[in-house]
């Protein structure tokens, strides 16, 4: 009779989702942390705009747009502020509203250029801002999971016991293992039917 042993753990080797094809540039300027994306030209523009002493986040954005257009001769598709709340875990989110007086701050900006939009869509067709912001939120959520280690790896072991000459022998073999799962439910499709109604949280180690 075959039995199975399932182990689900944190995937320490999960690929950074910023290596995927993203719609824009997720740029932060934080002490002791590397920006999710790196783009020297855009980062220099952000710092140049900051050196002009913007009066507010909106004013900073206006200065970034002006400098970008002056340097590249075209408008940015979209720029949105990104904030961070850090208390035990890290949570980046869209907007510049502080969720906590002490643990929240403006971390940077998400910038979509015509070039990044073309790389994502294969054309310069510009969706509505509502659609673009939806993509950005999804990307930020994925990055939050990755940076907090909320990505999973599973190992499935098959065990089969047989009687040979009156003695029982158990064969054990790893029949499947894989990682880079951002939701436990995505693992289920690779499991035997016996796990169909199992709570996969019970197999976390």
C-alpha atoms as a PDB file:
ATOM      1  CA  UNK A   1       0.000   0.000   0.000  1.00  0.00           C
ATOM      2  CA  UNK A   2       1.300   3.434  -0.943  1.00  0.00           C
ATOM      3  CA  UNK A   3       1.357   6.273   1.551  1.00  0.00           C
ATOM      4  CA  UNK A   4       2.613   9.798   1.193  1.00  0.00           C
ATOM      5  CA  UNK A   5       4.557  12.201   3.356  1.00  0.00           C
ATOM      6  CA  UNK A   6       4.206  15.876   2.468  1.00  0.00           C
ATOM      7  CA  UNK A   7       6.458  18.663   3.722  1.00  0.00           C
ATOM      8  CA  UNK A   8       5.885  22.330   2.891  1.00  0.00           C
ATOM      9  CA  UNK A   9       8.456  24.896   3.880  1.00  0.00           C
ATOM     10  CA  UNK A  10       9.611  28.415   3.168  1.00  0.00           C
ATOM     11  CA  UNK A  11      11.334  28.641  -0.202  1.00  0.00           C
ATOM     12  CA  UNK A  12      14.656  30.288   0.596  1.00  0.00           C
ATOM     13  CA  UNK A  13      15.663  30.206  -3.064  1.00  0.00           C
ATOM     14  CA  UNK A  14      12.494  31.716  -4.544  1.00  0.00           C
ATOM     15  CA  UNK A  15      13.154  33.980  -7.489  1.00  0.00           C
ATOM     16  CA  UNK A  16      12.748  37.693  -6.878  1.00  0.00           C
ATOM     17  CA  UNK A  17       9.469  38.657  -8.624  1.00  0.00           C
ATOM     18  CA  UNK A  18      11.133  41.861  -9.790  1.00  0.00           C
ATOM     19  CA  UNK A  19      13.022  39.641 -12.240  1.00  0.00           C
ATOM     20  CA  UNK A  20       9.726  38.923 -13.995  1.00  0.00           C
ATOM     21  CA  UNK A  21       8.282  41.061 -16.781  1.00  0.00           C
ATOM     22  CA  UNK A  22       6.796  43.951 -14.813  1.00  0.00           C
ATOM     23  CA  UNK A  23       4.847  46.934 -16.040  1.00  0.00           C
ATOM     24  CA  UNK A  24       7.193  49.544 -14.573  1.00  0.00           C
ATOM     25  CA  UNK A  25       9.963  50.429 -12.156  1.00  0.00           C
ATOM     26  CA  UNK A  26       9.561  49.942  -8.392  1.00  0.00           C
ATOM     27  CA  UNK A  27      12.137  52.366  -6.984  1.00  0.00           C
ATOM     28  CA  UNK A  28      12.804  53.046  -3.305  1.00  0.00           C
ATOM     29  CA  UNK A  29      15.419  55.029  -1.443  1.00  0.00           C
ATOM     30  CA  UNK A  30      15.883  53.480   1.982  1.00  0.00           C
ATOM     31  CA  UNK A  31      18.784  53.288   4.364  1.00  0.00           C
ATOM     32  CA  UNK A  32      20.165  49.754   4.593  1.00  0.00           C
ATOM     33  CA  UNK A  33      17.932  48.351   1.830  1.00  0.00           C
ATOM     34  CA  UNK A  34      18.412  47.818  -1.873  1.00  0.00           C
ATOM     35  CA  UNK A  35      15.709  49.203  -4.126  1.00  0.00           C
ATOM     36  CA  UNK A  36      13.423  46.485  -5.598  1.00  0.00           C
ATOM     37  CA  UNK A  37      14.381  47.746  -9.066  1.00  0.00           C
ATOM     38  CA  UNK A  38      17.456  49.633 -10.204  1.00  0.00           C
ATOM     39  CA  UNK A  39      17.388  52.262 -12.924  1.00  0.00           C
ATOM     40  CA  UNK A  40      20.204  54.792 -12.694  1.00  0.00           C
ATOM     41  CA  UNK A  41      18.517  57.383 -14.901  1.00  0.00           C
ATOM     42  CA  UNK A  42      15.208  57.348 -13.056  1.00  0.00           C
ATOM     43  CA  UNK A  43      16.877  57.205  -9.639  1.00  0.00           C
ATOM     44  CA  UNK A  44      19.023  60.218 -10.537  1.00  0.00           C
ATOM     45  CA  UNK A  45      15.922  62.124 -11.662  1.00  0.00           C
ATOM     46  CA  UNK A  46      14.147  61.332  -8.370  1.00  0.00           C
ATOM     47  CA  UNK A  47      17.147  62.579  -6.377  1.00  0.00           C
ATOM     48  CA  UNK A  48      17.506  65.656  -8.592  1.00  0.00           C
ATOM     49  CA  UNK A  49      13.864  66.505  -7.994  1.00  0.00           C
ATOM     50  CA  UNK A  50      14.377  65.986  -4.256  1.00  0.00           C
ATOM     51  CA  UNK A  51      17.345  68.385  -4.307  1.00  0.00           C
ATOM     52  CA  UNK A  52      14.921  71.100  -5.469  1.00  0.00           C
ATOM     53  CA  UNK A  53      13.214  70.890  -2.053  1.00  0.00           C
ATOM     54  CA  UNK A  54       9.696  69.793  -3.047  1.00  0.00           C
ATOM     55  CA  UNK A  55       6.986  71.125  -0.761  1.00  0.00           C
ATOM     56  CA  UNK A  56       4.958  67.912  -0.855  1.00  0.00           C
ATOM     57  CA  UNK A  57       4.788  64.467  -2.454  1.00  0.00           C
ATOM     58  CA  UNK A  58       2.663  65.902  -5.263  1.00  0.00           C
ATOM     59  CA  UNK A  59       5.221  68.649  -5.824  1.00  0.00           C
ATOM     60  CA  UNK A  60       8.004  66.024  -5.897  1.00  0.00           C
ATOM     61  CA  UNK A  61       6.076  64.112  -8.572  1.00  0.00           C
ATOM     62  CA  UNK A  62       5.595  67.272 -10.651  1.00  0.00           C
ATOM     63  CA  UNK A  63       9.328  67.962 -10.522  1.00  0.00           C
ATOM     64  CA  UNK A  64      10.155  64.360 -11.529  1.00  0.00           C
ATOM     65  CA  UNK A  65       7.786  64.612 -14.508  1.00  0.00           C
ATOM     66  CA  UNK A  66       9.312  67.938 -15.583  1.00  0.00           C
ATOM     67  CA  UNK A  67      12.907  66.716 -15.346  1.00  0.00           C
ATOM     68  CA  UNK A  68      12.074  63.453 -17.143  1.00  0.00           C
ATOM     69  CA  UNK A  69      10.388  65.257 -20.038  1.00  0.00           C
ATOM     70  CA  UNK A  70      13.307  67.670 -20.321  1.00  0.00           C
ATOM     71  CA  UNK A  71      15.828  64.805 -20.490  1.00  0.00           C
ATOM     72  CA  UNK A  72      13.915  62.315 -22.630  1.00  0.00           C
ATOM     73  CA  UNK A  73      11.526  64.512 -24.615  1.00  0.00           C
ATOM     74  CA  UNK A  74       8.411  62.562 -23.601  1.00  0.00           C
ATOM     75  CA  UNK A  75       5.992  62.301 -20.715  1.00  0.00           C
ATOM     76  CA  UNK A  76       5.967  59.557 -18.122  1.00  0.00           C
ATOM     77  CA  UNK A  77       3.003  57.217 -18.491  1.00  0.00           C
ATOM     78  CA  UNK A  78       2.357  57.141 -14.737  1.00  0.00           C
ATOM     79  CA  UNK A  79       4.128  57.827 -11.468  1.00  0.00           C
ATOM     80  CA  UNK A  80       2.705  56.852  -8.074  1.00  0.00           C
ATOM     81  CA  UNK A  81       4.117  57.187  -4.543  1.00  0.00           C
ATOM     82  CA  UNK A  82       4.983  54.017  -2.639  1.00  0.00           C
ATOM     83  CA  UNK A  83       4.964  53.917   1.152  1.00  0.00           C
ATOM     84  CA  UNK A  84       6.251  51.333   3.591  1.00  0.00           C
ATOM     85  CA  UNK A  85       5.070  50.074   6.954  1.00  0.00           C
ATOM     86  CA  UNK A  86       7.688  48.064   8.820  1.00  0.00           C
ATOM     87  CA  UNK A  87       6.956  46.454  12.143  1.00  0.00           C
ATOM     88  CA  UNK A  88       8.211  42.867  12.325  1.00  0.00           C
ATOM     89  CA  UNK A  89       7.413  42.408   8.648  1.00  0.00           C
ATOM     90  CA  UNK A  90       7.702  44.768   5.682  1.00  0.00           C
ATOM     91  CA  UNK A  91       4.650  45.993   3.845  1.00  0.00           C
ATOM     92  CA  UNK A  92       4.941  48.287   0.843  1.00  0.00           C
ATOM     93  CA  UNK A  93       1.738  49.868  -0.392  1.00  0.00           C
ATOM     94  CA  UNK A  94       0.475  52.314  -2.969  1.00  0.00           C
ATOM     95  CA  UNK A  95      -0.004  55.913  -1.827  1.00  0.00           C
ATOM     96  CA  UNK A  96       1.636  58.312   0.595  1.00  0.00           C
ATOM     97  CA  UNK A  97      -0.676  57.923   3.604  1.00  0.00           C
ATOM     98  CA  UNK A  98       1.074  56.877   6.823  1.00  0.00           C
ATOM     99  CA  UNK A  99      -0.491  53.826   8.480  1.00  0.00           C
ATOM    100  CA  UNK A 100       1.486  54.449  11.639  1.00  0.00           C
ATOM    101  CA  UNK A 101       3.216  57.592  12.873  1.00  0.00           C
ATOM    102  CA  UNK A 102       6.405  55.754  13.789  1.00  0.00           C
ATOM    103  CA  UNK A 103       6.605  52.710  11.501  1.00  0.00           C
ATOM    104  CA  UNK A 104       5.396  54.145   8.171  1.00  0.00           C
ATOM    105  CA  UNK A 105       7.140  56.381   5.679  1.00  0.00           C
ATOM    106  CA  UNK A 106       7.300  57.321   2.027  1.00  0.00           C
ATOM    107  CA  UNK A 107       9.686  54.767   0.492  1.00  0.00           C
ATOM    108  CA  UNK A 108       9.828  55.810  -3.150  1.00  0.00           C
ATOM    109  CA  UNK A 109       7.891  55.781  -6.391  1.00  0.00           C
ATOM    110  CA  UNK A 110       6.512  53.383  -8.973  1.00  0.00           C
ATOM    111  CA  UNK A 111       7.229  54.752 -12.437  1.00  0.00           C
ATOM    112  CA  UNK A 112       5.826  53.540 -15.748  1.00  0.00           C
ATOM    113  CA  UNK A 113       7.573  54.788 -18.878  1.00  0.00           C
ATOM    114  CA  UNK A 114       6.568  54.278 -22.477  1.00  0.00           C
ATOM    115  CA  UNK A 115       9.453  51.840 -22.800  1.00  0.00           C
ATOM    116  CA  UNK A 116       8.421  49.727 -19.797  1.00  0.00           C
ATOM    117  CA  UNK A 117       4.801  49.750 -20.975  1.00  0.00           C
ATOM    118  CA  UNK A 118       5.905  48.562 -24.423  1.00  0.00           C
ATOM    119  CA  UNK A 119       7.943  45.763 -22.859  1.00  0.00           C
ATOM    120  CA  UNK A 120       4.926  44.618 -20.856  1.00  0.00           C
ATOM    121  CA  UNK A 121       2.173  44.910 -23.454  1.00  0.00           C
ATOM    122  CA  UNK A 122       4.187  44.585 -26.656  1.00  0.00           C
ATOM    123  CA  UNK A 123       2.824  47.955 -27.751  1.00  0.00           C
ATOM    124  CA  UNK A 124       2.447  51.520 -26.498  1.00  0.00           C
ATOM    125  CA  UNK A 125      -1.286  51.099 -26.048  1.00  0.00           C
ATOM    126  CA  UNK A 126      -2.090  52.954 -22.833  1.00  0.00           C
ATOM    127  CA  UNK A 127      -4.663  51.351 -20.538  1.00  0.00           C
ATOM    128  CA  UNK A 128      -6.659  53.476 -18.122  1.00  0.00           C
ATOM    129  CA  UNK A 129      -4.964  54.531 -14.898  1.00  0.00           C
ATOM    130  CA  UNK A 130      -7.325  52.256 -12.968  1.00  0.00           C
ATOM    131  CA  UNK A 131      -5.937  49.246 -14.854  1.00  0.00           C
ATOM    132  CA  UNK A 132      -2.329  50.364 -14.420  1.00  0.00           C
ATOM    133  CA  UNK A 133      -2.777  50.856 -10.672  1.00  0.00           C
ATOM    134  CA  UNK A 134      -4.321  47.403 -10.420  1.00  0.00           C
ATOM    135  CA  UNK A 135      -1.165  45.899 -11.967  1.00  0.00           C
ATOM    136  CA  UNK A 136       1.051  47.916  -9.636  1.00  0.00           C
ATOM    137  CA  UNK A 137      -0.860  46.778  -6.538  1.00  0.00           C
ATOM    138  CA  UNK A 138      -0.565  43.140  -7.626  1.00  0.00           C
ATOM    139  CA  UNK A 139       3.188  43.514  -8.194  1.00  0.00           C
ATOM    140  CA  UNK A 140       3.691  45.161  -4.801  1.00  0.00           C
ATOM    141  CA  UNK A 141       1.726  42.400  -3.069  1.00  0.00           C
ATOM    142  CA  UNK A 142       3.872  39.761  -4.751  1.00  0.00           C
ATOM    143  CA  UNK A 143       7.052  41.568  -3.714  1.00  0.00           C
ATOM    144  CA  UNK A 144       5.798  41.879  -0.123  1.00  0.00           C
ATOM    145  CA  UNK A 145       5.334  38.115   0.021  1.00  0.00           C
ATOM    146  CA  UNK A 146       8.800  37.495  -1.389  1.00  0.00           C
ATOM    147  CA  UNK A 147      10.627  39.954   0.856  1.00  0.00           C
ATOM    148  CA  UNK A 148       8.865  38.505   3.935  1.00  0.00           C
ATOM    149  CA  UNK A 149       9.605  34.892   2.988  1.00  0.00           C
ATOM    150  CA  UNK A 150       5.978  34.000   2.261  1.00  0.00           C
ATOM    151  CA  UNK A 151       6.869  31.797  -0.705  1.00  0.00           C
ATOM    152  CA  UNK A 152       6.622  28.015  -0.457  1.00  0.00           C
ATOM    153  CA  UNK A 153       8.469  24.866  -1.445  1.00  0.00           C
ATOM    154  CA  UNK A 154       7.070  21.348  -1.179  1.00  0.00           C
ATOM    155  CA  UNK A 155       8.535  17.863  -1.055  1.00  0.00           C
ATOM    156  CA  UNK A 156       6.371  14.789  -1.612  1.00  0.00           C
ATOM    157  CA  UNK A 157       7.672  11.425  -0.456  1.00  0.00           C
ATOM    158  CA  UNK A 158       6.078   8.142  -1.496  1.00  0.00           C
ATOM    159  CA  UNK A 159       6.258   5.224   0.935  1.00  0.00           C
ATOM    160  CA  UNK A 160       5.327   1.693  -0.069  1.00  0.00           C
ATOM    161  CA  UNK A 161       5.419  -1.269   2.299  1.00  0.00           C
ATOM    162  CA  UNK A 162       5.724  -4.821   0.982  1.00  0.00           C
ATOM    163  CA  UNK A 163       6.076  -8.209   2.614  1.00  0.00           C
ATOM    164  CA  UNK A 164       8.934 -10.320   1.380  1.00  0.00           C
ATOM    165  CA  UNK A 165       9.444 -13.761   2.933  1.00  0.00           C
ATOM    166  CA  UNK A 166       7.229 -12.749   5.827  1.00  0.00           C
ATOM    167  CA  UNK A 167       9.148  -9.560   6.557  1.00  0.00           C
ATOM    168  CA  UNK A 168       7.938  -6.021   5.891  1.00  0.00           C
ATOM    169  CA  UNK A 169      10.114  -3.683   3.837  1.00  0.00           C
ATOM    170  CA  UNK A 170       9.314  -0.018   3.266  1.00  0.00           C
ATOM    171  CA  UNK A 171      10.538   1.796   0.177  1.00  0.00           C
ATOM    172  CA  UNK A 172      10.787   5.572   0.392  1.00  0.00           C
ATOM    173  CA  UNK A 173      11.246   7.834  -2.603  1.00  0.00           C
ATOM    174  CA  UNK A 174      10.913  11.580  -3.244  1.00  0.00           C
ATOM    175  CA  UNK A 175       8.557  11.632  -6.220  1.00  0.00           C
ATOM    176  CA  UNK A 176       8.040  15.380  -6.552  1.00  0.00           C
ATOM    177  CA  UNK A 177       9.507  18.598  -5.228  1.00  0.00           C
ATOM    178  CA  UNK A 178       9.154  22.146  -6.392  1.00  0.00           C
ATOM    179  CA  UNK A 179       9.141  25.734  -5.184  1.00  0.00           C
ATOM    180  CA  UNK A 180       8.313  29.366  -5.956  1.00  0.00           C
ATOM    181  CA  UNK A 181       4.656  29.031  -4.890  1.00  0.00           C
ATOM    182  CA  UNK A 182       3.017  32.206  -3.597  1.00  0.00           C
ATOM    183  CA  UNK A 183      -0.168  30.415  -2.533  1.00  0.00           C
ATOM    184  CA  UNK A 184      -0.438  27.064  -0.794  1.00  0.00           C
ATOM    185  CA  UNK A 185      -3.415  26.135  -2.961  1.00  0.00           C
ATOM    186  CA  UNK A 186      -1.210  26.229  -6.055  1.00  0.00           C
ATOM    187  CA  UNK A 187       0.651  23.220  -4.635  1.00  0.00           C
ATOM    188  CA  UNK A 188      -2.487  21.082  -4.383  1.00  0.00           C
ATOM    189  CA  UNK A 189      -2.710  20.345  -8.118  1.00  0.00           C
ATOM    190  CA  UNK A 190       0.599  18.443  -7.909  1.00  0.00           C
ATOM    191  CA  UNK A 191      -0.538  16.219  -5.042  1.00  0.00           C
ATOM    192  CA  UNK A 192      -2.290  12.818  -5.025  1.00  0.00           C
ATOM    193  CA  UNK A 193      -6.073  12.680  -4.602  1.00  0.00           C
ATOM    194  CA  UNK A 194      -5.657  11.772  -0.930  1.00  0.00           C
ATOM    195  CA  UNK A 195      -4.751  15.436  -0.263  1.00  0.00           C
ATOM    196  CA  UNK A 196      -7.855  16.780  -2.013  1.00  0.00           C
ATOM    197  CA  UNK A 197      -9.587  17.870   1.201  1.00  0.00           C
ATOM    198  CA  UNK A 198      -6.529  18.334   3.384  1.00  0.00           C
ATOM    199  CA  UNK A 199      -5.668  21.660   5.007  1.00  0.00           C
ATOM    200  CA  UNK A 200      -2.200  22.266   3.564  1.00  0.00           C
ATOM    201  CA  UNK A 201      -1.326  24.568   6.460  1.00  0.00           C
ATOM    202  CA  UNK A 202      -1.001  21.425   8.561  1.00  0.00           C
ATOM    203  CA  UNK A 203       2.001  20.364   6.477  1.00  0.00           C
ATOM    204  CA  UNK A 204       4.026  23.517   6.998  1.00  0.00           C
ATOM    205  CA  UNK A 205       7.304  22.883   8.781  1.00  0.00           C
END
